[in-house]
PDB file of N, CA and C in Angstrom:
ATOM      1  N   MET A   1     -88.185 -43.011  -0.087  1.00  0.00           N
ATOM      2  CA  MET A   1     -86.824 -42.101  -0.405  1.00  0.00           C
ATOM      3  C   MET A   1     -86.024 -41.556  -0.020  1.00  0.00           C
ATOM      4  N   THR A   2     -84.177 -41.510   0.151  1.00  0.00           N
ATOM      5  CA  THR A   2     -83.452 -41.189   1.064  1.00  0.00           C
ATOM      6  C   THR A   2     -82.904 -40.190   0.123  1.00  0.00           C
ATOM      7  N   PHE A   3     -81.714 -39.510   1.009  1.00  0.00           N
ATOM      8  CA  PHE A   3     -80.913 -38.281   0.800  1.00  0.00           C
ATOM      9  C   PHE A   3     -79.225 -39.020   0.804  1.00  0.00           C
ATOM     10  N   ALA A   4     -78.884 -38.609  -0.709  1.00  0.00           N
ATOM     11  CA  ALA A   4     -77.459 -38.598  -0.522  1.00  0.00           C
ATOM     12  C   ALA A   4     -76.387 -37.805  -1.074  1.00  0.00           C
ATOM     13  N   LEU A   5     -75.148 -37.219  -0.528  1.00  0.00           N
ATOM     14  CA  LEU A   5     -74.545 -36.220  -0.980  1.00  0.00           C
ATOM     15  C   LEU A   5     -73.825 -36.666  -2.032  1.00  0.00           C
ATOM     16  N   ARG A   6     -73.424 -35.690  -2.820  1.00  0.00           N
ATOM     17  CA  ARG A   6     -72.828 -35.566  -4.244  1.00  0.00           C
ATOM     18  C   ARG A   6     -71.486 -36.255  -3.912  1.00  0.00           C
ATOM     19  N   PRO A   7     -70.624 -36.773  -4.806  1.00  0.00           N
ATOM     20  CA  PRO A   7     -69.718 -37.675  -4.946  1.00  0.00           C
ATOM     21  C   PRO A   7     -68.486 -36.292  -4.497  1.00  0.00           C
ATOM     22  N   HIS A   8     -68.311 -35.487  -4.830  1.00  0.00           N
ATOM     23  CA  HIS A   8     -67.608 -34.129  -4.884  1.00  0.00           C
ATOM     24  C   HIS A   8     -68.037 -33.431  -3.313  1.00  0.00           C
ATOM     25  N   VAL A   9     -68.391 -33.956  -2.198  1.00  0.00           N
ATOM     26  CA  VAL A   9     -68.477 -33.435  -1.340  1.00  0.00           C
ATOM     27  C   VAL A   9     -68.298 -34.028   0.364  1.00  0.00           C
ATOM     28  N   SER A  10     -67.083 -33.144   0.766  1.00  0.00           N
ATOM     29  CA  SER A  10     -66.788 -33.821   1.957  1.00  0.00           C
ATOM     30  C   SER A  10     -67.118 -32.999   3.342  1.00  0.00           C
ATOM     31  N   THR A  11     -66.549 -33.736   4.240  1.00  0.00           N
ATOM     32  CA  THR A  11     -67.492 -33.509   5.201  1.00  0.00           C
ATOM     33  C   THR A  11     -66.316 -33.770   6.595  1.00  0.00           C
ATOM     34  N   ALA A  12     -66.543 -32.956   7.616  1.00  0.00           N
ATOM     35  CA  ALA A  12     -66.185 -32.683   8.728  1.00  0.00           C
ATOM     36  C   ALA A  12     -66.796 -32.818   9.852  1.00  0.00           C
ATOM     37  N   ARG A  13     -66.611 -33.137  10.766  1.00  0.00           N
ATOM     38  CA  ARG A  13     -67.605 -33.052  12.300  1.00  0.00           C
ATOM     39  C   ARG A  13     -67.303 -31.977  12.552  1.00  0.00           C
ATOM     40  N   THR A  14     -67.574 -31.041  13.764  1.00  0.00           N
ATOM     41  CA  THR A  14     -66.859 -29.872  14.209  1.00  0.00           C
ATOM     42  C   THR A  14     -67.799 -29.773  15.556  1.00  0.00           C
ATOM     43  N   GLU A  15     -67.238 -28.900  16.581  1.00  0.00           N
ATOM     44  CA  GLU A  15     -68.037 -29.088  18.031  1.00  0.00           C
ATOM     45  C   GLU A  15     -69.576 -28.627  17.967  1.00  0.00           C
ATOM     46  N   ASN A  16     -69.822 -27.808  16.600  1.00  0.00           N
ATOM     47  CA  ASN A  16     -70.837 -27.193  16.279  1.00  0.00           C
ATOM     48  C   ASN A  16     -72.026 -27.667  15.378  1.00  0.00           C
ATOM     49  N   GLY A  17     -71.688 -28.679  14.822  1.00  0.00           N
ATOM     50  CA  GLY A  17     -72.101 -29.866  13.583  1.00  0.00           C
ATOM     51  C   GLY A  17     -71.102 -30.072  12.697  1.00  0.00           C
ATOM     52  N   THR A  18     -71.847 -29.808  11.646  1.00  0.00           N
ATOM     53  CA  THR A  18     -71.338 -30.562  10.589  1.00  0.00           C
ATOM     54  C   THR A  18     -70.403 -29.066   9.297  1.00  0.00           C
ATOM     55  N   VAL A  19     -69.160 -29.375   8.438  1.00  0.00           N
ATOM     56  CA  VAL A  19     -68.717 -28.504   7.797  1.00  0.00           C
ATOM     57  C   VAL A  19     -68.792 -29.487   6.536  1.00  0.00           C
ATOM     58  N   LEU A  20     -69.397 -28.772   5.458  1.00  0.00           N
ATOM     59  CA  LEU A  20     -69.317 -29.533   4.184  1.00  0.00           C
ATOM     60  C   LEU A  20     -68.738 -28.612   3.136  1.00  0.00           C
ATOM     61  N   LEU A  21     -67.975 -29.005   2.324  1.00  0.00           N
ATOM     62  CA  LEU A  21     -66.928 -28.507   1.062  1.00  0.00           C
ATOM     63  C   LEU A  21     -67.193 -29.300  -0.335  1.00  0.00           C
ATOM     64  N   ASP A  22     -67.466 -28.001  -0.722  1.00  0.00           N
ATOM     65  CA  ASP A  22     -67.751 -28.719  -2.287  1.00  0.00           C
ATOM     66  C   ASP A  22     -66.453 -28.744  -2.878  1.00  0.00           C
ATOM     67  N   GLU A  23     -65.440 -29.877  -3.408  1.00  0.00           N
ATOM     68  CA  GLU A  23     -64.466 -29.488  -3.701  1.00  0.00           C
ATOM     69  C   GLU A  23     -64.711 -29.153  -5.533  1.00  0.00           C
ATOM     70  N   THR A  24     -65.611 -29.419  -6.143  1.00  0.00           N
ATOM     71  CA  THR A  24     -65.600 -28.417  -7.171  1.00  0.00           C
ATOM     72  C   THR A  24     -65.069 -26.683  -7.216  1.00  0.00           C
ATOM     73  N   THR A  25     -65.994 -26.371  -6.085  1.00  0.00           N
ATOM     74  CA  THR A  25     -65.636 -24.894  -6.280  1.00  0.00           C
ATOM     75  C   THR A  25     -65.661 -24.337  -5.044  1.00  0.00           C
ATOM     76  N   GLY A  26     -65.192 -24.621  -4.059  1.00  0.00           N
ATOM     77  CA  GLY A  26     -64.134 -24.939  -3.037  1.00  0.00           C
ATOM     78  C   GLY A  26     -64.814 -24.192  -1.632  1.00  0.00           C
ATOM     79  N   ARG A  27     -66.394 -23.710  -2.129  1.00  0.00           N
ATOM     80  CA  ARG A  27     -66.911 -23.663  -0.906  1.00  0.00           C
ATOM     81  C   ARG A  27     -67.468 -24.032   0.193  1.00  0.00           C
ATOM     82  N   TYR A  28     -67.234 -24.106   1.303  1.00  0.00           N
ATOM     83  CA  TYR A  28     -68.312 -24.911   2.145  1.00  0.00           C
ATOM     84  C   TYR A  28     -69.067 -24.100   3.149  1.00  0.00           C
ATOM     85  N   TRP A  29     -70.107 -24.824   3.688  1.00  0.00           N
ATOM     86  CA  TRP A  29     -71.388 -24.502   4.648  1.00  0.00           C
ATOM     87  C   TRP A  29     -70.832 -25.112   5.756  1.00  0.00           C
ATOM     88  N   GLN A  30     -71.788 -24.371   7.275  1.00  0.00           N
ATOM     89  CA  GLN A  30     -71.479 -24.803   8.165  1.00  0.00           C
ATOM     90  C   GLN A  30     -72.685 -25.141   8.809  1.00  0.00           C
ATOM     91  N   LEU A  31     -73.116 -26.272   8.895  1.00  0.00           N
ATOM     92  CA  LEU A  31     -74.427 -27.125   9.367  1.00  0.00           C
ATOM     93  C   LEU A  31     -74.359 -26.870  10.921  1.00  0.00           C
ATOM     94  N   ASN A  32     -75.299 -26.237  11.736  1.00  0.00           N
ATOM     95  CA  ASN A  32     -75.446 -26.334  13.138  1.00  0.00           C
ATOM     96  C   ASN A  32     -75.694 -27.907  13.467  1.00  0.00           C
ATOM     97  N   THR A  33     -75.940 -28.196  14.522  1.00  0.00           N
ATOM     98  CA  THR A  33     -75.885 -29.653  15.340  1.00  0.00           C
ATOM     99  C   THR A  33     -77.573 -29.814  14.830  1.00  0.00           C
ATOM    100  N   THR A  34     -78.493 -29.270  14.560  1.00  0.00           N
ATOM    101  CA  THR A  34     -79.616 -30.290  14.284  1.00  0.00           C
ATOM    102  C   THR A  34     -79.439 -30.155  12.464  1.00  0.00           C
ATOM    103  N   ALA A  35     -79.128 -29.261  12.046  1.00  0.00           N
ATOM    104  CA  ALA A  35     -79.049 -29.813  10.750  1.00  0.00           C
ATOM    105  C   ALA A  35     -77.983 -31.234  10.595  1.00  0.00           C
ATOM    106  N   ALA A  36     -77.014 -30.892  11.141  1.00  0.00           N
ATOM    107  CA  ALA A  36     -76.001 -32.040  10.994  1.00  0.00           C
ATOM    108  C   ALA A  36     -76.667 -33.240  11.180  1.00  0.00           C
ATOM    109  N   PHE A  37     -77.968 -33.592  12.762  1.00  0.00           N
ATOM    110  CA  PHE A  37     -78.107 -34.556  12.780  1.00  0.00           C
ATOM    111  C   PHE A  37     -79.074 -35.151  11.608  1.00  0.00           C
ATOM    112  N   ILE A  38     -79.932 -34.196  10.804  1.00  0.00           N
ATOM    113  CA  ILE A  38     -80.984 -34.558  10.192  1.00  0.00           C
ATOM    114  C   ILE A  38     -79.924 -35.267   8.614  1.00  0.00           C
ATOM    115  N   LEU A  39     -78.238 -34.543   8.215  1.00  0.00           N
ATOM    116  CA  LEU A  39     -78.554 -34.612   7.134  1.00  0.00           C
ATOM    117  C   LEU A  39     -77.664 -36.283   7.757  1.00  0.00           C
ATOM    118  N   ASN A  40     -76.835 -36.378   8.835  1.00  0.00           N
ATOM    119  CA  ASN A  40     -76.171 -37.829   9.059  1.00  0.00           C
ATOM    120  C   ASN A  40     -77.562 -38.923   9.354  1.00  0.00           C
ATOM    121  N   THR A  41     -78.883 -38.371   9.476  1.00  0.00           N
ATOM    122  CA  THR A  41     -79.488 -39.710   9.849  1.00  0.00           C
ATOM    123  C   THR A  41     -80.032 -39.923   8.079  1.00  0.00           C
ATOM    124  N   LEU A  42     -80.051 -38.646   6.930  1.00  0.00           N
ATOM    125  CA  LEU A  42     -80.495 -39.097   5.966  1.00  0.00           C
ATOM    126  C   LEU A  42     -79.320 -39.880   5.605  1.00  0.00           C
ATOM    127  N   ILE A  43     -78.570 -39.804   5.105  1.00  0.00           N
ATOM    128  CA  ILE A  43     -77.602 -40.555   4.294  1.00  0.00           C
ATOM    129  C   ILE A  43     -77.328 -41.409   5.104  1.00  0.00           C
ATOM    130  N   GLU A  44     -77.388 -41.947   5.921  1.00  0.00           N
ATOM    131  CA  GLU A  44     -77.603 -43.417   6.942  1.00  0.00           C
ATOM    132  C   GLU A  44     -78.255 -43.959   6.220  1.00  0.00           C
ATOM    133  N   GLY A  45     -79.139 -43.556   5.311  1.00  0.00           N
ATOM    134  CA  GLY A  45     -80.394 -44.186   4.745  1.00  0.00           C
ATOM    135  C   GLY A  45     -81.778 -44.266   5.115  1.00  0.00           C
ATOM    136  N   ALA A  46     -82.011 -43.204   6.123  1.00  0.00           N
ATOM    137  CA  ALA A  46     -83.743 -43.094   6.653  1.00  0.00           C
ATOM    138  C   ALA A  46     -84.154 -42.454   5.236  1.00  0.00           C
ATOM    139  N   SER A  47     -85.235 -42.581   5.453  1.00  0.00           N
ATOM    140  CA  SER A  47     -86.415 -41.804   4.857  1.00  0.00           C
ATOM    141  C   SER A  47     -86.801 -40.661   5.457  1.00  0.00           C
ATOM    142  N   THR A  48     -87.405 -39.460   4.678  1.00  0.00           N
ATOM    143  CA  THR A  48     -87.376 -38.387   5.069  1.00  0.00           C
ATOM    144  C   THR A  48     -88.332 -38.186   6.918  1.00  0.00           C
ATOM    145  N   GLN A  49     -89.411 -39.437   6.601  1.00  0.00           N
ATOM    146  CA  GLN A  49     -90.710 -39.394   7.355  1.00  0.00           C
ATOM    147  C   GLN A  49     -89.176 -40.173   8.793  1.00  0.00           C
ATOM    148  N   GLU A  50     -88.744 -41.006   8.567  1.00  0.00           N
ATOM    149  CA  GLU A  50     -87.718 -41.367   9.905  1.00  0.00           C
ATOM    150  C   GLU A  50     -86.709 -40.379  10.094  1.00  0.00           C
ATOM    151  N   ALA A  51     -86.617 -39.650   9.322  1.00  0.00           N
ATOM    152  CA  ALA A  51     -85.280 -38.807   9.799  1.00  0.00           C
ATOM    153  C   ALA A  51     -86.539 -37.742  10.966  1.00  0.00           C
ATOM    154  N   ALA A  52     -87.315 -37.063  10.365  1.00  0.00           N
ATOM    155  CA  ALA A  52     -88.616 -36.189  10.817  1.00  0.00           C
ATOM    156  C   ALA A  52     -88.949 -37.140  12.166  1.00  0.00           C
ATOM    157  N   HIS A  53     -89.237 -38.540  12.553  1.00  0.00           N
ATOM    158  CA  HIS A  53     -89.118 -39.175  13.706  1.00  0.00           C
ATOM    159  C   HIS A  53     -87.896 -39.624  14.549  1.00  0.00           C
ATOM    160  N   ARG A  54     -86.914 -39.566  14.306  1.00  0.00           N
ATOM    161  CA  ARG A  54     -85.705 -39.524  14.789  1.00  0.00           C
ATOM    162  C   ARG A  54     -85.385 -37.993  15.666  1.00  0.00           C
ATOM    163  N   LEU A  55     -85.630 -36.936  15.004  1.00  0.00           N
ATOM    164  CA  LEU A  55     -85.292 -35.687  15.435  1.00  0.00           C
ATOM    165  C   LEU A  55     -86.069 -35.535  16.230  1.00  0.00           C
ATOM    166  N   ARG A  56     -87.535 -35.598  16.227  1.00  0.00           N
ATOM    167  CA  ARG A  56     -88.816 -35.728  17.593  1.00  0.00           C
ATOM    168  C   ARG A  56     -88.164 -36.539  18.820  1.00  0.00           C
ATOM    169  N   GLU A  57     -87.725 -38.124  18.347  1.00  0.00           N
ATOM    170  CA  GLU A  57     -87.017 -38.566  19.536  1.00  0.00           C
ATOM    171  C   GLU A  57     -85.732 -37.786  20.011  1.00  0.00           C
ATOM    172  N   ARG A  58     -85.378 -37.143  19.621  1.00  0.00           N
ATOM    173  CA  ARG A  58     -84.304 -36.136  19.973  1.00  0.00           C
ATOM    174  C   ARG A  58     -84.899 -35.042  20.832  1.00  0.00           C
ATOM    175  N   HIS A  59     -85.892 -34.241  20.300  1.00  0.00           N
ATOM    176  CA  HIS A  59     -86.163 -32.959  20.670  1.00  0.00           C
ATOM    177  C   HIS A  59     -87.510 -33.369  20.842  1.00  0.00           C
ATOM    178  N   PRO A  60     -88.603 -33.979  21.899  1.00  0.00           N
ATOM    179  CA  PRO A  60     -89.286 -34.762  22.138  1.00  0.00           C
ATOM    180  C   PRO A  60     -90.537 -33.421  22.164  1.00  0.00           C
ATOM    181  N   THR A  61     -89.859 -31.897  22.521  1.00  0.00           N
ATOM    182  CA  THR A  61     -91.339 -31.241  22.505  1.00  0.00           C
ATOM    183  C   THR A  61     -91.315 -30.490  21.155  1.00  0.00           C
ATOM    184  N   LEU A  62     -90.692 -30.692  20.075  1.00  0.00           N
ATOM    185  CA  LEU A  62     -90.691 -30.499  18.894  1.00  0.00           C
ATOM    186  C   LEU A  62     -92.290 -30.963  18.528  1.00  0.00           C
ATOM    187  N   PRO A  63     -93.150 -30.452  17.760  1.00  0.00           N
ATOM    188  CA  PRO A  63     -94.173 -30.527  16.905  1.00  0.00           C
ATOM    189  C   PRO A  63     -93.516 -31.397  15.314  1.00  0.00           C
ATOM    190  N   THR A  64     -94.474 -32.602  15.434  1.00  0.00           N
ATOM    191  CA  THR A  64     -94.282 -33.272  14.197  1.00  0.00           C
ATOM    192  C   THR A  64     -94.290 -32.433  13.142  1.00  0.00           C
ATOM    193  N   GLU A  65     -95.179 -31.467  12.682  1.00  0.00           N
ATOM    194  CA  GLU A  65     -95.355 -30.849  10.915  1.00  0.00           C
ATOM    195  C   GLU A  65     -93.960 -29.878  11.328  1.00  0.00           C
ATOM    196  N   GLN A  66     -93.446 -29.143  12.475  1.00  0.00           N
ATOM    197  CA  GLN A  66     -91.919 -28.833  12.153  1.00  0.00           C
ATOM    198  C   GLN A  66     -90.923 -29.476  12.171  1.00  0.00           C
ATOM    199  N   ALA A  67     -90.823 -30.585  12.953  1.00  0.00           N
ATOM    200  CA  ALA A  67     -89.729 -31.900  12.654  1.00  0.00           C
ATOM    201  C   ALA A  67     -89.525 -32.406  10.870  1.00  0.00           C
ATOM    202  N   ALA A  68     -90.591 -32.206  10.204  1.00  0.00           N
ATOM    203  CA  ALA A  68     -91.088 -32.988   8.949  1.00  0.00           C
ATOM    204  C   ALA A  68     -90.773 -31.449   7.998  1.00  0.00           C
ATOM    205  N   GLY A  69     -90.916 -30.131   8.753  1.00  0.00           N
ATOM    206  CA  GLY A  69     -90.427 -29.131   7.360  1.00  0.00           C
ATOM    207  C   GLY A  69     -89.330 -28.588   7.915  1.00  0.00           C
ATOM    208  N   ASP A  70     -88.374 -29.353   9.256  1.00  0.00           N
ATOM    209  CA  ASP A  70     -86.777 -28.932   9.103  1.00  0.00           C
ATOM    210  C   ASP A  70     -85.835 -29.878   8.550  1.00  0.00           C
ATOM    211  N   VAL A  71     -87.048 -31.348   8.445  1.00  0.00           N
ATOM    212  CA  VAL A  71     -86.102 -32.308   7.761  1.00  0.00           C
ATOM    213  C   VAL A  71     -86.190 -32.035   6.214  1.00  0.00           C
ATOM    214  N   ALA A  72     -87.511 -31.396   6.005  1.00  0.00           N
ATOM    215  CA  ALA A  72     -87.471 -30.522   3.939  1.00  0.00           C
ATOM    216  C   ALA A  72     -86.902 -29.545   3.636  1.00  0.00           C
ATOM    217  N   SER A  73     -86.713 -28.843   5.213  1.00  0.00           N
ATOM    218  CA  SER A  73     -85.773 -27.308   5.020  1.00  0.00           C
ATOM    219  C   SER A  73     -84.507 -27.952   4.790  1.00  0.00           C
ATOM    220  N   VAL A  74     -83.834 -28.828   5.150  1.00  0.00           N
ATOM    221  CA  VAL A  74     -82.444 -28.907   5.349  1.00  0.00           C
ATOM    222  C   VAL A  74     -82.526 -29.386   3.852  1.00  0.00           C
ATOM    223  N   ILE A  75     -82.952 -30.484   2.777  1.00  0.00           N
ATOM    224  CA  ILE A  75     -83.087 -30.992   1.935  1.00  0.00           C
ATOM    225  C   ILE A  75     -83.052 -30.344   0.639  1.00  0.00           C
ATOM    226  N   ARG A  76     -83.662 -29.258   1.238  1.00  0.00           N
ATOM    227  CA  ARG A  76     -84.023 -28.095   0.144  1.00  0.00           C
ATOM    228  C   ARG A  76     -83.011 -27.480  -0.079  1.00  0.00           C
ATOM    229  N   ALA A  77     -82.380 -26.742   1.180  1.00  0.00           N
ATOM    230  CA  ALA A  77     -80.975 -26.309   1.132  1.00  0.00           C
ATOM    231  C   ALA A  77     -79.836 -26.671   0.524  1.00  0.00           C
ATOM    232  N   LEU A  78     -79.649 -27.734   0.846  1.00  0.00           N
ATOM    233  CA  LEU A  78     -78.410 -28.834   0.179  1.00  0.00           C
ATOM    234  C   LEU A  78     -78.580 -29.125  -1.312  1.00  0.00           C
ATOM    235  N   SER A  79     -79.994 -29.430  -1.454  1.00  0.00           N
ATOM    236  CA  SER A  79     -80.155 -29.768  -3.207  1.00  0.00           C
ATOM    237  C   SER A  79     -79.996 -28.415  -3.729  1.00  0.00           C
ATOM    238  N   ALA A  80     -80.350 -27.052  -3.125  1.00  0.00           N
ATOM    239  CA  ALA A  80     -80.151 -25.945  -3.987  1.00  0.00           C
ATOM    240  C   ALA A  80     -78.658 -25.351  -4.328  1.00  0.00           C
ATOM    241  N   ALA A  81     -77.962 -25.821  -3.015  1.00  0.00           N
ATOM    242  CA  ALA A  81     -76.534 -25.672  -3.321  1.00  0.00           C
ATOM    243  C   ALA A  81     -75.682 -26.721  -3.677  1.00  0.00           C
ATOM    244  N   HIS A  82     -76.690 -28.005  -4.722  1.00  0.00           N
ATOM    245  CA  HIS A  82     -75.702 -28.565  -5.414  1.00  0.00           C
ATOM    246  C   HIS A  82     -74.894 -29.711  -4.474  1.00  0.00           C
ATOM    247  N   LEU A  83     -75.040 -29.929  -2.988  1.00  0.00           N
ATOM    248  CA  LEU A  83     -74.568 -30.419  -2.543  1.00  0.00           C
ATOM    249  C   LEU A  83     -74.875 -32.039  -1.976  1.00  0.00           C
ATOM    250  N   GLY A  84     -76.313 -32.555  -2.452  1.00  0.00           N
ATOM    251  CA  GLY A  84     -76.907 -33.256  -1.992  1.00  0.00           C
ATOM    252  C   GLY A  84     -78.239 -33.721  -3.474  1.00  0.00           C
ATOM    253  N   ALA A  85     -78.895 -34.647  -3.259  1.00  0.00           N
ATOM    254  CA  ALA A  85     -80.127 -35.121  -3.787  1.00  0.00           C
ATOM    255  C   ALA A  85     -80.386 -36.141  -3.568  1.00  0.00           C
ATOM    256  N   THR A  86     -82.065 -36.145  -3.651  1.00  0.00           N
ATOM    257  CA  THR A  86     -82.870 -37.347  -3.238  1.00  0.00           C
ATOM    258  C   THR A  86     -82.774 -38.435  -3.621  1.00  0.00           C
ATOM    259  N   VAL A  87     -82.545 -39.539  -3.695  1.00  0.00           N
ATOM    260  CA  VAL A  87     -82.489 -41.182  -4.591  1.00  0.00           C
ATOM    261  C   VAL A  87     -83.675 -41.554  -4.230  1.00  0.00           C
ATOM    262  N   ALA A  88     -84.004 -42.552  -5.013  1.00  0.00           N
ATOM    263  CA  ALA A  88     -85.357 -43.626  -5.206  1.00  0.00           C
ATOM    264  C   ALA A  88     -84.691 -44.755  -4.465  1.00  0.00           C
TER     265      ALA A  88
END
């Protein structure tokens, strides 16, 4: 299972992460560098498990369960805001 942004969402990388703009509502969200890394990994086609693994590679002291939880949290937040969805 992978994650994709909806077609009406634009992204812009910033020095501190990524900004997402919902073009239908005009609302935007600021993702910190960790959330942006997770999002970019997912939209490049990585599974949630692979995204958690890559997050742990980036932060070796991060416990496996926390990495998986962080990936799940980003997916939940973006899905709840109607910015993205998991795809099979």
